[in-house]
Amino acid sequence: MAIAPHRSERTALCDLLTRVGPAAPTLCSGWTTTDLATHLVVRERKPLAALGLVLPGPFAAGLAKTMKRMSTSESYDGLVALVRRGPPSLLRPFDTAMNMGEYFIHHEDVRRGSGDTTPRPMADIAVVEEALWRSVGRGARLMTRSLGPTGLDLIHVDGRVVHARRGEHTATLTGRPGEIVLYLWGRGDAAHVELGGPSEAVAAVRNARFGI
């Protein structure tokens, strides 16, 4: 029986975290692999603290305190084991929706954190890429909200198109689904995509702050 793509990415990330150790760099600015593993544990197992991922002020401060406490009270191997175990039972029905993009992105954060941004061979992750393309279709408008009136079309290398935003001027972002996801999650410097369209639309995309 094939492993669901979000689970295969979780497993691959945990294997990589174990292999590179607790102090390896990531694409998350200022974060080591310990910070990333801590983030993943808190996100799934400390839901009140995880509100700080999207809410500022006291929520963000509470998240920082929880992450510091978690990283000092749990060993790196223990953190990775908790990530590998998967979400608690209450969240398991939402595992796919919550974690398809999350675990692909963070797997690539560790893979590419040392500076080698080479994508994995398409043949190796075809099922993952197809799942990511479906997730792009569902979440593109939210991820591109900072573009305001500028339009953006996301173009799969096989020619499929997601109209992320309609606008008077529309840019195009072309690439493999994983690379488009990386770009829309704020990893533009590491993503292998082609940006095209009218100059004003291209400038708006280059200057936008993407992500949740």
Protein backbone atom coordinates (compact mmCIF):
# COMPACT_ATOMS: atom_id res chain seq x y z
CA MET A 1 0.00 0.00 0.00
CA ALA A 2 1.41 3.38 -1.03
CA ILE A 3 2.25 5.88 1.69
CA ALA A 4 0.21 9.10 1.51
CA PRO A 5 2.41 11.95 0.22
CA HIS A 6 2.11 14.11 3.34
CA ARG A 7 3.24 11.15 5.45
CA SER A 8 6.11 10.29 3.14
CA GLU A 9 7.33 13.90 3.39
CA ARG A 10 7.11 13.77 7.19
CA THR A 11 9.14 10.56 7.26
CA ALA A 12 11.72 11.90 4.80
CA LEU A 13 12.09 15.11 6.80
CA CYS A 14 12.60 13.20 10.04
CA ASP A 15 15.19 10.95 8.40
CA LEU A 16 17.01 14.03 7.14
CA LEU A 17 16.83 15.80 10.51
CA THR A 18 18.41 12.76 12.12
CA ARG A 19 21.10 12.59 9.46
CA VAL A 20 22.18 16.26 9.54
CA GLY A 21 21.95 16.74 13.32
CA PRO A 22 20.72 19.54 15.59
CA ALA A 23 22.79 22.50 14.36
CA ALA A 24 22.34 22.31 10.57
CA PRO A 25 21.19 25.47 8.76
CA THR A 26 17.73 25.82 7.19
CA LEU A 27 16.02 28.23 4.81
CA CYS A 28 14.06 29.62 7.79
CA SER A 29 16.03 32.75 8.61
CA GLY A 30 18.02 32.29 11.82
CA TRP A 31 16.72 28.79 12.48
CA THR A 32 18.75 25.63 12.90
CA THR A 33 17.29 22.16 12.56
CA THR A 34 16.63 22.18 16.33
CA ASP A 35 14.50 25.31 15.94
CA LEU A 36 12.62 23.76 13.05
CA ALA A 37 11.93 20.50 14.89
CA THR A 38 10.75 22.50 17.90
CA HIS A 39 8.41 24.53 15.71
CA LEU A 40 6.85 21.38 14.28
CA VAL A 41 6.28 19.84 17.71
CA VAL A 42 4.74 23.01 19.14
CA ARG A 43 2.56 23.51 16.07
CA GLU A 44 0.98 20.05 16.44
CA ARG A 45 1.05 19.51 20.19
CA LYS A 46 0.64 22.98 21.75
CA PRO A 47 -2.35 24.47 19.89
CA LEU A 48 -2.77 27.49 22.16
CA ALA A 49 0.88 28.46 21.78
CA ALA A 50 0.66 27.81 18.04
CA LEU A 51 -1.78 30.71 17.73
CA GLY A 52 1.35 32.85 17.86
CA LEU A 53 2.21 31.61 14.37
CA VAL A 54 -0.53 33.84 12.96
CA LEU A 55 -1.36 36.31 15.75
CA PRO A 56 1.03 39.07 16.90
CA GLY A 57 1.69 40.63 20.31
CA PRO A 58 1.15 38.40 23.35
CA PHE A 59 0.37 35.38 21.19
CA ALA A 60 3.71 35.62 19.38
CA ALA A 61 5.47 36.21 22.69
CA GLY A 62 3.79 33.15 24.19
CA LEU A 63 4.87 31.07 21.23
CA ALA A 64 8.48 32.18 21.64
CA LYS A 65 8.45 31.21 25.32
CA THR A 66 6.89 27.82 24.58
CA MET A 67 9.44 27.07 21.87
CA LYS A 68 12.33 28.04 24.15
CA ARG A 69 10.98 25.87 26.94
CA MET A 70 10.39 22.94 24.58
CA SER A 71 13.86 23.12 23.02
CA THR A 72 15.58 23.13 26.42
CA SER A 73 13.43 20.44 28.04
CA GLU A 74 13.46 17.94 25.16
CA SER A 75 16.49 16.43 23.44
CA TYR A 76 16.90 16.89 19.70
CA ASP A 77 16.33 13.18 19.12
CA GLY A 78 13.21 13.41 21.29
CA LEU A 79 11.88 16.32 19.24
CA VAL A 80 12.44 14.44 15.99
CA ALA A 81 10.73 11.36 17.44
CA LEU A 82 7.67 13.47 18.34
CA VAL A 83 7.54 14.88 14.82
CA ARG A 84 7.85 11.39 13.35
CA ARG A 85 4.99 10.13 15.52
CA GLY A 86 2.54 12.39 13.73
CA PRO A 87 -0.23 14.61 15.06
CA PRO A 88 -2.21 13.72 18.20
CA SER A 89 -5.42 11.76 17.59
CA LEU A 90 -7.62 14.88 17.69
CA LEU A 91 -5.81 16.36 14.68
CA ARG A 92 -5.33 13.21 12.60
CA PRO A 93 -8.49 13.76 10.50
CA PHE A 94 -6.93 17.06 9.37
CA ASP A 95 -3.43 15.68 8.75
CA THR A 96 -3.53 16.00 4.97
CA ALA A 97 -4.99 19.51 4.91
CA MET A 98 -2.65 20.77 7.63
CA ASN A 99 0.56 19.11 6.61
CA MET A 100 0.94 18.46 2.88
CA GLY A 101 2.55 21.83 2.18
CA GLU A 102 4.04 22.18 5.66
CA TYR A 103 6.18 19.06 5.53
CA PHE A 104 7.24 19.48 1.91
CA ILE A 105 8.35 23.05 2.64
CA HIS A 106 10.24 22.17 5.80
CA HIS A 107 11.85 19.14 4.15
CA GLU A 108 13.17 21.51 1.48
CA ASP A 109 14.15 24.06 4.17
CA VAL A 110 16.58 21.48 5.52
CA ARG A 111 17.61 20.03 2.13
CA ARG A 112 18.43 23.47 0.70
CA GLY A 113 19.57 25.18 3.88
CA SER A 114 23.25 24.62 3.12
CA GLY A 115 22.95 26.48 -0.20
CA ASP A 116 22.33 23.69 -2.71
CA THR A 117 18.84 24.48 -4.03
CA THR A 118 18.71 21.64 -6.57
CA PRO A 119 15.17 20.20 -6.68
CA ARG A 120 14.62 16.50 -6.20
CA PRO A 121 14.14 14.57 -9.47
CA MET A 122 10.54 14.85 -10.64
CA ALA A 123 10.31 11.07 -11.07
CA ASP A 124 11.14 10.58 -7.38
CA ILE A 125 8.34 12.80 -6.06
CA ALA A 126 5.67 12.75 -8.79
CA VAL A 127 2.91 11.83 -6.32
CA VAL A 128 4.03 14.55 -3.91
CA GLU A 129 4.11 17.12 -6.70
CA GLU A 130 0.57 16.23 -7.80
CA ALA A 131 -0.70 16.59 -4.23
CA LEU A 132 1.05 19.97 -3.98
CA TRP A 133 -0.61 21.13 -7.21
CA ARG A 134 -4.03 20.31 -5.74
CA SER A 135 -3.14 22.23 -2.59
CA VAL A 136 -2.04 25.22 -4.66
CA GLY A 137 -5.45 25.30 -6.32
CA ARG A 138 -7.18 25.40 -2.92
CA GLY A 139 -4.93 27.91 -1.18
CA ALA A 140 -3.55 30.20 -3.88
CA ARG A 141 -5.80 33.17 -3.19
CA LEU A 142 -4.92 33.23 0.51
CA MET A 143 -1.21 32.80 -0.18
CA THR A 144 -1.18 35.68 -2.70
CA ARG A 145 -3.39 38.14 -0.82
CA SER A 146 -0.52 40.64 -0.47
CA LEU A 147 -0.67 41.25 -4.24
CA GLY A 148 -3.87 43.26 -3.89
CA PRO A 149 -5.09 44.31 -7.38
CA THR A 150 -2.28 42.55 -9.24
CA GLY A 151 -3.23 39.31 -10.95
CA LEU A 152 -1.18 36.12 -10.85
CA ASP A 153 -1.43 32.92 -12.88
CA LEU A 154 0.41 29.85 -11.66
CA ILE A 155 1.53 27.67 -14.56
CA HIS A 156 2.51 24.02 -14.13
CA VAL A 157 5.37 22.84 -16.35
CA ASP A 158 2.84 20.55 -18.06
CA GLY A 159 0.70 23.56 -19.03
CA ARG A 160 -2.02 23.44 -16.38
CA VAL A 161 -2.97 26.84 -14.94
CA VAL A 162 -4.31 28.06 -11.61
CA HIS A 163 -5.65 31.62 -11.70
CA ALA A 164 -4.46 32.62 -8.24
CA ARG A 165 -5.68 36.21 -8.55
CA ARG A 166 -7.48 38.24 -11.15
CA GLY A 167 -6.19 41.72 -11.86
CA GLU A 168 -5.81 44.44 -14.44
CA HIS A 169 -2.17 43.44 -14.82
CA THR A 170 -1.35 39.74 -14.45
CA ALA A 171 2.01 38.12 -13.85
CA THR A 172 2.79 34.47 -14.49
CA LEU A 173 4.75 32.11 -12.26
CA THR A 174 5.86 28.96 -14.07
CA GLY A 175 7.50 25.88 -12.60
CA ARG A 176 7.04 22.51 -11.00
CA PRO A 177 4.37 22.50 -8.27
CA GLY A 178 6.93 22.15 -5.50
CA GLU A 179 8.92 25.11 -6.74
CA ILE A 180 5.77 27.25 -7.01
CA VAL A 181 4.82 26.25 -3.47
CA LEU A 182 8.27 27.22 -2.23
CA TYR A 183 7.91 30.63 -3.88
CA LEU A 184 4.45 31.23 -2.41
CA TRP A 185 5.68 30.25 1.05
CA GLY A 186 8.36 32.93 0.98
CA ARG A 187 11.30 30.86 -0.30
CA GLY A 188 11.64 32.74 -3.59
CA ASP A 189 15.43 32.87 -3.49
CA ALA A 190 15.60 29.05 -3.42
CA ALA A 191 12.74 28.31 -5.81
CA HIS A 192 13.33 27.36 -9.45
CA VAL A 193 10.54 29.28 -11.22
CA GLU A 194 10.12 31.68 -14.12
CA LEU A 195 8.35 34.97 -13.49
CA GLY A 196 6.80 36.72 -16.48
CA GLY A 197 4.18 39.22 -17.59
CA PRO A 198 3.86 43.03 -17.63
CA SER A 199 6.68 44.82 -15.83
CA GLU A 200 4.39 46.36 -13.20
CA ALA A 201 2.88 42.98 -12.36
CA VAL A 202 6.29 41.31 -12.20
CA ALA A 203 7.54 44.07 -9.88
CA ALA A 204 4.51 43.60 -7.61
CA VAL A 205 5.20 39.87 -7.34
CA ARG A 206 8.90 40.41 -6.64
CA ASN A 207 8.07 42.91 -3.87
CA ALA A 208 5.20 40.95 -2.29
CA ARG A 209 5.40 39.19 1.06
CA PHE A 210 4.09 35.70 0.46
CA GLY A 211 3.12 33.11 3.02
CA ILE A 212 0.46 32.53 5.64
